[in-house]
PDB file of N, CA and C in Angstrom:
ATOM      1  N   UNK A   1      -1.491  19.431 -11.655  1.00  0.00           N
ATOM      2  CA  UNK A   1      -2.122  20.157 -12.746  1.00  0.00           C
ATOM      3  C   UNK A   1      -2.038  19.364 -14.035  1.00  0.00           C
ATOM      4  N   UNK A   2      -1.079  18.543 -14.151  1.00  0.00           N
ATOM      5  CA  UNK A   2      -0.872  17.826 -15.415  1.00  0.00           C
ATOM      6  C   UNK A   2      -1.736  16.559 -15.531  1.00  0.00           C
ATOM      7  N   UNK A   3      -2.389  16.133 -14.457  1.00  0.00           N
ATOM      8  CA  UNK A   3      -3.207  14.940 -14.538  1.00  0.00           C
ATOM      9  C   UNK A   3      -4.483  15.212 -15.372  1.00  0.00           C
ATOM     10  N   UNK A   4      -4.793  14.237 -16.214  1.00  0.00           N
ATOM     11  CA  UNK A   4      -6.029  14.321 -16.991  1.00  0.00           C
ATOM     12  C   UNK A   4      -7.005  13.390 -16.295  1.00  0.00           C
ATOM     13  N   UNK A   5      -7.740  13.955 -15.322  1.00  0.00           N
ATOM     14  CA  UNK A   5      -8.649  13.172 -14.508  1.00  0.00           C
ATOM     15  C   UNK A   5      -9.644  12.399 -15.339  1.00  0.00           C
ATOM     16  N   UNK A   6     -10.046  12.911 -16.447  1.00  0.00           N
ATOM     17  CA  UNK A   6     -11.045  12.234 -17.291  1.00  0.00           C
ATOM     18  C   UNK A   6     -10.499  10.928 -17.883  1.00  0.00           C
ATOM     19  N   UNK A   7      -9.198  10.710 -17.790  1.00  0.00           N
ATOM     20  CA  UNK A   7      -8.592   9.454 -18.301  1.00  0.00           C
ATOM     21  C   UNK A   7      -8.720   8.290 -17.343  1.00  0.00           C
ATOM     22  N   UNK A   8      -9.236   8.556 -16.159  1.00  0.00           N
ATOM     23  CA  UNK A   8      -9.277   7.545 -15.098  1.00  0.00           C
ATOM     24  C   UNK A   8     -10.704   7.349 -14.568  1.00  0.00           C
ATOM     25  N   UNK A   9     -11.117   6.108 -14.371  1.00  0.00           N
ATOM     26  CA  UNK A   9     -12.465   5.912 -13.797  1.00  0.00           C
ATOM     27  C   UNK A   9     -12.538   6.206 -12.302  1.00  0.00           C
ATOM     28  N   UNK A  10     -11.371   6.165 -11.605  1.00  0.00           N
ATOM     29  CA  UNK A  10     -11.361   6.436 -10.190  1.00  0.00           C
ATOM     30  C   UNK A  10     -10.286   7.480  -9.849  1.00  0.00           C
ATOM     31  N   UNK A  11     -10.471   8.158  -8.736  1.00  0.00           N
ATOM     32  CA  UNK A  11      -9.517   9.195  -8.303  1.00  0.00           C
ATOM     33  C   UNK A  11      -8.277   8.579  -7.697  1.00  0.00           C
ATOM     34  N   UNK A  12      -8.435   7.541  -6.900  1.00  0.00           N
ATOM     35  CA  UNK A  12      -7.266   6.912  -6.289  1.00  0.00           C
ATOM     36  C   UNK A  12      -7.594   5.484  -5.922  1.00  0.00           C
ATOM     37  N   UNK A  13      -6.523   4.736  -5.629  1.00  0.00           N
ATOM     38  CA  UNK A  13      -6.671   3.362  -5.140  1.00  0.00           C
ATOM     39  C   UNK A  13      -6.134   3.380  -3.714  1.00  0.00           C
ATOM     40  N   UNK A  14      -7.007   3.021  -2.765  1.00  0.00           N
ATOM     41  CA  UNK A  14      -6.607   2.956  -1.385  1.00  0.00           C
ATOM     42  C   UNK A  14      -6.327   1.519  -0.955  1.00  0.00           C
ATOM     43  N   UNK A  15      -5.115   1.319  -0.461  1.00  0.00           N
ATOM     44  CA  UNK A  15      -4.700  -0.003  -0.032  1.00  0.00           C
ATOM     45  C   UNK A  15      -4.663   0.016   1.512  1.00  0.00           C
ATOM     46  N   UNK A  16      -5.686  -0.566   2.155  1.00  0.00           N
ATOM     47  CA  UNK A  16      -5.712  -0.582   3.607  1.00  0.00           C
ATOM     48  C   UNK A  16      -4.692  -1.569   4.168  1.00  0.00           C
ATOM     49  N   UNK A  17      -4.179  -1.284   5.329  1.00  0.00           N
ATOM     50  CA  UNK A  17      -3.253  -2.204   5.969  1.00  0.00           C
ATOM     51  C   UNK A  17      -3.936  -3.380   6.606  1.00  0.00           C
ATOM     52  N   UNK A  18      -3.112  -4.309   7.041  1.00  0.00           N
ATOM     53  CA  UNK A  18      -3.568  -5.496   7.782  1.00  0.00           C
ATOM     54  C   UNK A  18      -2.476  -5.766   8.801  1.00  0.00           C
ATOM     55  N   UNK A  19      -2.760  -5.444  10.038  1.00  0.00           N
ATOM     56  CA  UNK A  19      -1.706  -5.512  11.085  1.00  0.00           C
ATOM     57  C   UNK A  19      -1.020  -6.890  11.143  1.00  0.00           C
ATOM     58  N   UNK A  20       0.320  -6.854  11.324  1.00  0.00           N
ATOM     59  CA  UNK A  20       1.031  -8.102  11.503  1.00  0.00           C
ATOM     60  C   UNK A  20       0.598  -8.833  12.742  1.00  0.00           C
ATOM     61  N   UNK A  21       0.821 -10.113  12.804  1.00  0.00           N
ATOM     62  CA  UNK A  21       0.439 -10.912  13.945  1.00  0.00           C
ATOM     63  C   UNK A  21       1.515 -10.913  15.024  1.00  0.00           C
ATOM     64  N   UNK A  22       2.780 -10.751  14.629  1.00  0.00           N
ATOM     65  CA  UNK A  22       3.894 -10.742  15.568  1.00  0.00           C
ATOM     66  C   UNK A  22       4.704  -9.464  15.456  1.00  0.00           C
ATOM     67  N   UNK A  23       5.286  -9.043  16.542  1.00  0.00           N
ATOM     68  CA  UNK A  23       5.954  -7.727  16.610  1.00  0.00           C
ATOM     69  C   UNK A  23       7.151  -7.598  15.710  1.00  0.00           C
ATOM     70  N   UNK A  24       7.841  -8.693  15.370  1.00  0.00           N
ATOM     71  CA  UNK A  24       9.022  -8.616  14.524  1.00  0.00           C
ATOM     72  C   UNK A  24       8.743  -8.726  13.047  1.00  0.00           C
ATOM     73  N   UNK A  25       7.468  -8.853  12.695  1.00  0.00           N
ATOM     74  CA  UNK A  25       7.062  -8.986  11.279  1.00  0.00           C
ATOM     75  C   UNK A  25       6.672  -7.629  10.726  1.00  0.00           C
ATOM     76  N   UNK A  26       7.431  -7.080   9.773  1.00  0.00           N
ATOM     77  CA  UNK A  26       7.122  -5.752   9.261  1.00  0.00           C
ATOM     78  C   UNK A  26       5.783  -5.654   8.478  1.00  0.00           C
ATOM     79  N   UNK A  27       5.439  -6.752   7.743  1.00  0.00           N
ATOM     80  CA  UNK A  27       4.202  -6.718   6.959  1.00  0.00           C
ATOM     81  C   UNK A  27       3.515  -8.074   7.078  1.00  0.00           C
ATOM     82  N   UNK A  28       2.216  -8.010   7.257  1.00  0.00           N
ATOM     83  CA  UNK A  28       1.375  -9.229   7.250  1.00  0.00           C
ATOM     84  C   UNK A  28       1.282  -9.717   5.807  1.00  0.00           C
ATOM     85  N   UNK A  29       1.336 -11.014   5.577  1.00  0.00           N
ATOM     86  CA  UNK A  29       1.181 -11.511   4.210  1.00  0.00           C
ATOM     87  C   UNK A  29      -0.122 -11.008   3.513  1.00  0.00           C
ATOM     88  N   UNK A  30      -1.172 -10.788   4.266  1.00  0.00           N
ATOM     89  CA  UNK A  30      -2.383 -10.260   3.668  1.00  0.00           C
ATOM     90  C   UNK A  30      -2.186  -8.827   3.169  1.00  0.00           C
ATOM     91  N   UNK A  31      -1.357  -8.056   3.877  1.00  0.00           N
ATOM     92  CA  UNK A  31      -1.041  -6.694   3.382  1.00  0.00           C
ATOM     93  C   UNK A  31      -0.290  -6.739   2.066  1.00  0.00           C
ATOM     94  N   UNK A  32       0.583  -7.726   1.889  1.00  0.00           N
ATOM     95  CA  UNK A  32       1.313  -7.885   0.628  1.00  0.00           C
ATOM     96  C   UNK A  32       0.322  -8.247  -0.484  1.00  0.00           C
ATOM     97  N   UNK A  33      -0.680  -9.080  -0.189  1.00  0.00           N
ATOM     98  CA  UNK A  33      -1.685  -9.397  -1.220  1.00  0.00           C
ATOM     99  C   UNK A  33      -2.488  -8.147  -1.603  1.00  0.00           C
ATOM    100  N   UNK A  34      -2.792  -7.301  -0.602  1.00  0.00           N
ATOM    101  CA  UNK A  34      -3.535  -6.079  -0.943  1.00  0.00           C
ATOM    102  C   UNK A  34      -2.697  -5.155  -1.758  1.00  0.00           C
ATOM    103  N   UNK A  35      -1.401  -5.054  -1.477  1.00  0.00           N
ATOM    104  CA  UNK A  35      -0.487  -4.236  -2.267  1.00  0.00           C
ATOM    105  C   UNK A  35      -0.471  -4.743  -3.696  1.00  0.00           C
ATOM    106  N   UNK A  36      -0.366  -6.039  -3.862  1.00  0.00           N
ATOM    107  CA  UNK A  36      -0.298  -6.603  -5.211  1.00  0.00           C
ATOM    108  C   UNK A  36      -1.585  -6.236  -5.990  1.00  0.00           C
ATOM    109  N   UNK A  37      -2.736  -6.365  -5.343  1.00  0.00           N
ATOM    110  CA  UNK A  37      -4.001  -6.000  -6.029  1.00  0.00           C
ATOM    111  C   UNK A  37      -4.046  -4.551  -6.357  1.00  0.00           C
ATOM    112  N   UNK A  38      -3.596  -3.703  -5.409  1.00  0.00           N
ATOM    113  CA  UNK A  38      -3.547  -2.305  -5.681  1.00  0.00           C
ATOM    114  C   UNK A  38      -2.636  -1.945  -6.875  1.00  0.00           C
ATOM    115  N   UNK A  39      -1.495  -2.605  -6.975  1.00  0.00           N
ATOM    116  CA  UNK A  39      -0.619  -2.392  -8.085  1.00  0.00           C
ATOM    117  C   UNK A  39      -1.199  -2.874  -9.400  1.00  0.00           C
ATOM    118  N   UNK A  40      -1.959  -3.983  -9.339  1.00  0.00           N
ATOM    119  CA  UNK A  40      -2.616  -4.467 -10.552  1.00  0.00           C
ATOM    120  C   UNK A  40      -3.578  -3.408 -11.082  1.00  0.00           C
ATOM    121  N   UNK A  41      -4.382  -2.846 -10.181  1.00  0.00           N
ATOM    122  CA  UNK A  41      -5.329  -1.813 -10.572  1.00  0.00           C
ATOM    123  C   UNK A  41      -4.647  -0.551 -11.033  1.00  0.00           C
ATOM    124  N   UNK A  42      -3.578  -0.189 -10.348  1.00  0.00           N
ATOM    125  CA  UNK A  42      -2.814   1.000 -10.712  1.00  0.00           C
ATOM    126  C   UNK A  42      -2.192   0.886 -12.110  1.00  0.00           C
ATOM    127  N   UNK A  43      -1.564  -0.234 -12.342  1.00  0.00           N
ATOM    128  CA  UNK A  43      -0.921  -0.481 -13.641  1.00  0.00           C
ATOM    129  C   UNK A  43      -1.965  -0.653 -14.752  1.00  0.00           C
ATOM    130  N   UNK A  44      -3.161  -1.036 -14.416  1.00  0.00           N
ATOM    131  CA  UNK A  44      -4.253  -1.149 -15.360  1.00  0.00           C
ATOM    132  C   UNK A  44      -4.874   0.234 -15.703  1.00  0.00           C
ATOM    133  N   UNK A  45      -4.361   1.269 -15.079  1.00  0.00           N
ATOM    134  CA  UNK A  45      -4.836   2.614 -15.357  1.00  0.00           C
ATOM    135  C   UNK A  45      -6.187   2.950 -14.713  1.00  0.00           C
ATOM    136  N   UNK A  46      -6.491   2.270 -13.644  1.00  0.00           N
ATOM    137  CA  UNK A  46      -7.779   2.559 -12.968  1.00  0.00           C
ATOM    138  C   UNK A  46      -7.806   3.854 -12.199  1.00  0.00           C
ATOM    139  N   UNK A  47      -6.618   4.320 -11.765  1.00  0.00           N
ATOM    140  CA  UNK A  47      -6.532   5.575 -11.008  1.00  0.00           C
ATOM    141  C   UNK A  47      -5.097   6.068 -11.127  1.00  0.00           C
ATOM    142  N   UNK A  48      -4.884   7.386 -11.015  1.00  0.00           N
ATOM    143  CA  UNK A  48      -3.525   7.955 -11.127  1.00  0.00           C
ATOM    144  C   UNK A  48      -2.759   7.907  -9.797  1.00  0.00           C
ATOM    145  N   UNK A  49      -3.435   7.631  -8.702  1.00  0.00           N
ATOM    146  CA  UNK A  49      -2.784   7.678  -7.387  1.00  0.00           C
ATOM    147  C   UNK A  49      -3.012   6.370  -6.617  1.00  0.00           C
ATOM    148  N   UNK A  50      -2.000   5.981  -5.873  1.00  0.00           N
ATOM    149  CA  UNK A  50      -2.061   4.786  -5.041  1.00  0.00           C
ATOM    150  C   UNK A  50      -1.746   5.229  -3.607  1.00  0.00           C
ATOM    151  N   UNK A  51      -2.617   5.001  -2.671  1.00  0.00           N
ATOM    152  CA  UNK A  51      -2.449   5.425  -1.259  1.00  0.00           C
ATOM    153  C   UNK A  51      -2.453   4.198  -0.365  1.00  0.00           C
ATOM    154  N   UNK A  52      -1.436   4.130   0.509  1.00  0.00           N
ATOM    155  CA  UNK A  52      -1.426   3.044   1.499  1.00  0.00           C
ATOM    156  C   UNK A  52      -1.748   3.612   2.874  1.00  0.00           C
ATOM    157  N   UNK A  53      -2.339   2.778   3.716  1.00  0.00           N
ATOM    158  CA  UNK A  53      -2.679   3.202   5.070  1.00  0.00           C
ATOM    159  C   UNK A  53      -2.283   2.145   6.083  1.00  0.00           C
ATOM    160  N   UNK A  54      -2.056   2.564   7.309  1.00  0.00           N
ATOM    161  CA  UNK A  54      -1.696   1.663   8.403  1.00  0.00           C
ATOM    162  C   UNK A  54      -0.934   2.442   9.441  1.00  0.00           C
ATOM    163  N   UNK A  55      -0.966   1.899  10.632  1.00  0.00           N
ATOM    164  CA  UNK A  55      -0.346   2.570  11.771  1.00  0.00           C
ATOM    165  C   UNK A  55       0.662   1.726  12.469  1.00  0.00           C
ATOM    166  N   UNK A  56       0.909   2.108  13.713  1.00  0.00           N
ATOM    167  CA  UNK A  56       1.848   1.355  14.581  1.00  0.00           C
ATOM    168  C   UNK A  56       1.104   0.950  15.831  1.00  0.00           C
ATOM    169  N   UNK A  57      -0.018   0.264  15.653  1.00  0.00           N
ATOM    170  CA  UNK A  57      -0.896  -0.079  16.747  1.00  0.00           C
ATOM    171  C   UNK A  57      -0.741  -1.504  17.233  1.00  0.00           C
ATOM    172  N   UNK A  58      -0.633  -2.424  16.307  1.00  0.00           N
ATOM    173  CA  UNK A  58      -0.621  -3.820  16.629  1.00  0.00           C
ATOM    174  C   UNK A  58       0.488  -4.519  15.912  1.00  0.00           C
ATOM    175  N   UNK A  59       1.060  -5.531  16.455  1.00  0.00           N
ATOM    176  CA  UNK A  59       0.888  -6.014  17.797  1.00  0.00           C
ATOM    177  C   UNK A  59       1.617  -5.067  18.770  1.00  0.00           C
ATOM    178  N   UNK A  60       1.262  -5.155  20.019  1.00  0.00           N
ATOM    179  CA  UNK A  60       1.883  -4.293  21.040  1.00  0.00           C
ATOM    180  C   UNK A  60       3.394  -4.526  21.014  1.00  0.00           C
ATOM    181  N   UNK A  61       4.100  -3.423  21.011  1.00  0.00           N
ATOM    182  CA  UNK A  61       5.556  -3.515  21.020  1.00  0.00           C
ATOM    183  C   UNK A  61       6.209  -3.498  19.652  1.00  0.00           C
ATOM    184  N   UNK A  62       5.419  -3.449  18.614  1.00  0.00           N
ATOM    185  CA  UNK A  62       6.046  -3.418  17.273  1.00  0.00           C
ATOM    186  C   UNK A  62       6.815  -2.097  17.040  1.00  0.00           C
ATOM    187  N   UNK A  63       7.882  -2.216  16.314  1.00  0.00           N
ATOM    188  CA  UNK A  63       8.665  -1.070  15.958  1.00  0.00           C
ATOM    189  C   UNK A  63       8.317  -0.568  14.571  1.00  0.00           C
ATOM    190  N   UNK A  64       7.385  -1.241  13.897  1.00  0.00           N
ATOM    191  CA  UNK A  64       7.102  -0.948  12.489  1.00  0.00           C
ATOM    192  C   UNK A  64       5.825  -0.081  12.350  1.00  0.00           C
ATOM    193  N   UNK A  65       5.883   0.866  11.437  1.00  0.00           N
ATOM    194  CA  UNK A  65       4.724   1.625  11.053  1.00  0.00           C
ATOM    195  C   UNK A  65       4.258   1.028   9.721  1.00  0.00           C
ATOM    196  N   UNK A  66       3.068   0.494   9.757  1.00  0.00           N
ATOM    197  CA  UNK A  66       2.587  -0.308   8.618  1.00  0.00           C
ATOM    198  C   UNK A  66       2.617   0.428   7.285  1.00  0.00           C
ATOM    199  N   UNK A  67       2.140   1.636   7.257  1.00  0.00           N
ATOM    200  CA  UNK A  67       2.093   2.399   6.000  1.00  0.00           C
ATOM    201  C   UNK A  67       3.499   2.638   5.432  1.00  0.00           C
ATOM    202  N   UNK A  68       4.455   2.869   6.329  1.00  0.00           N
ATOM    203  CA  UNK A  68       5.826   3.040   5.835  1.00  0.00           C
ATOM    204  C   UNK A  68       6.420   1.725   5.334  1.00  0.00           C
ATOM    205  N   UNK A  69       6.078   0.649   5.943  1.00  0.00           N
ATOM    206  CA  UNK A  69       6.531  -0.645   5.503  1.00  0.00           C
ATOM    207  C   UNK A  69       5.862  -1.016   4.174  1.00  0.00           C
ATOM    208  N   UNK A  70       4.613  -0.613   3.974  1.00  0.00           N
ATOM    209  CA  UNK A  70       3.951  -0.831   2.712  1.00  0.00           C
ATOM    210  C   UNK A  70       4.599  -0.005   1.615  1.00  0.00           C
ATOM    211  N   UNK A  71       4.935   1.235   1.946  1.00  0.00           N
ATOM    212  CA  UNK A  71       5.638   2.105   0.978  1.00  0.00           C
ATOM    213  C   UNK A  71       6.967   1.475   0.600  1.00  0.00           C
ATOM    214  N   UNK A  72       7.700   1.012   1.601  1.00  0.00           N
ATOM    215  CA  UNK A  72       9.031   0.389   1.331  1.00  0.00           C
ATOM    216  C   UNK A  72       8.840  -0.844   0.444  1.00  0.00           C
ATOM    217  N   UNK A  73       7.823  -1.641   0.674  1.00  0.00           N
ATOM    218  CA  UNK A  73       7.546  -2.831  -0.125  1.00  0.00           C
ATOM    219  C   UNK A  73       7.247  -2.414  -1.594  1.00  0.00           C
ATOM    220  N   UNK A  74       6.438  -1.355  -1.762  1.00  0.00           N
ATOM    221  CA  UNK A  74       6.132  -0.878  -3.082  1.00  0.00           C
ATOM    222  C   UNK A  74       7.438  -0.451  -3.834  1.00  0.00           C
ATOM    223  N   UNK A  75       8.314   0.184  -3.110  1.00  0.00           N
ATOM    224  CA  UNK A  75       9.547   0.674  -3.753  1.00  0.00           C
ATOM    225  C   UNK A  75      10.503  -0.498  -4.068  1.00  0.00           C
ATOM    226  N   UNK A  76      10.709  -1.389  -3.077  1.00  0.00           N
ATOM    227  CA  UNK A  76      11.690  -2.448  -3.192  1.00  0.00           C
ATOM    228  C   UNK A  76      11.226  -3.590  -4.114  1.00  0.00           C
ATOM    229  N   UNK A  77       9.971  -3.971  -3.990  1.00  0.00           N
ATOM    230  CA  UNK A  77       9.458  -5.161  -4.747  1.00  0.00           C
ATOM    231  C   UNK A  77       8.834  -4.748  -6.074  1.00  0.00           C
ATOM    232  N   UNK A  78       8.064  -3.673  -6.060  1.00  0.00           N
ATOM    233  CA  UNK A  78       7.310  -3.250  -7.247  1.00  0.00           C
ATOM    234  C   UNK A  78       7.962  -2.157  -8.050  1.00  0.00           C
ATOM    235  N   UNK A  79       9.070  -1.606  -7.553  1.00  0.00           N
ATOM    236  CA  UNK A  79       9.801  -0.567  -8.328  1.00  0.00           C
ATOM    237  C   UNK A  79       9.132   0.791  -8.398  1.00  0.00           C
ATOM    238  N   UNK A  80       8.246   1.054  -7.453  1.00  0.00           N
ATOM    239  CA  UNK A  80       7.567   2.356  -7.428  1.00  0.00           C
ATOM    240  C   UNK A  80       8.582   3.387  -6.932  1.00  0.00           C
ATOM    241  N   UNK A  81       8.785   4.504  -7.664  1.00  0.00           N
ATOM    242  CA  UNK A  81       9.758   5.498  -7.188  1.00  0.00           C
ATOM    243  C   UNK A  81       9.314   6.253  -5.955  1.00  0.00           C
TER     244      UNK A  81
END
């Protein structure tokens, strides 16, 4: 309720995942680049919300859920609460 939607040109910033190439890699380097760009847009005030997406599909046998790893990266590296 407290968001002033008229202050933003966009409703949200969607950061799509990019599946890792190997099962032991939590995040593909390209996913990290997408996160960085999403944060640049978010910090520039382009949208009030940042949404990450990704699943646990590839590579076969991975223990990582990409969206959760992206969230963890946002918290640990970018300081997002």
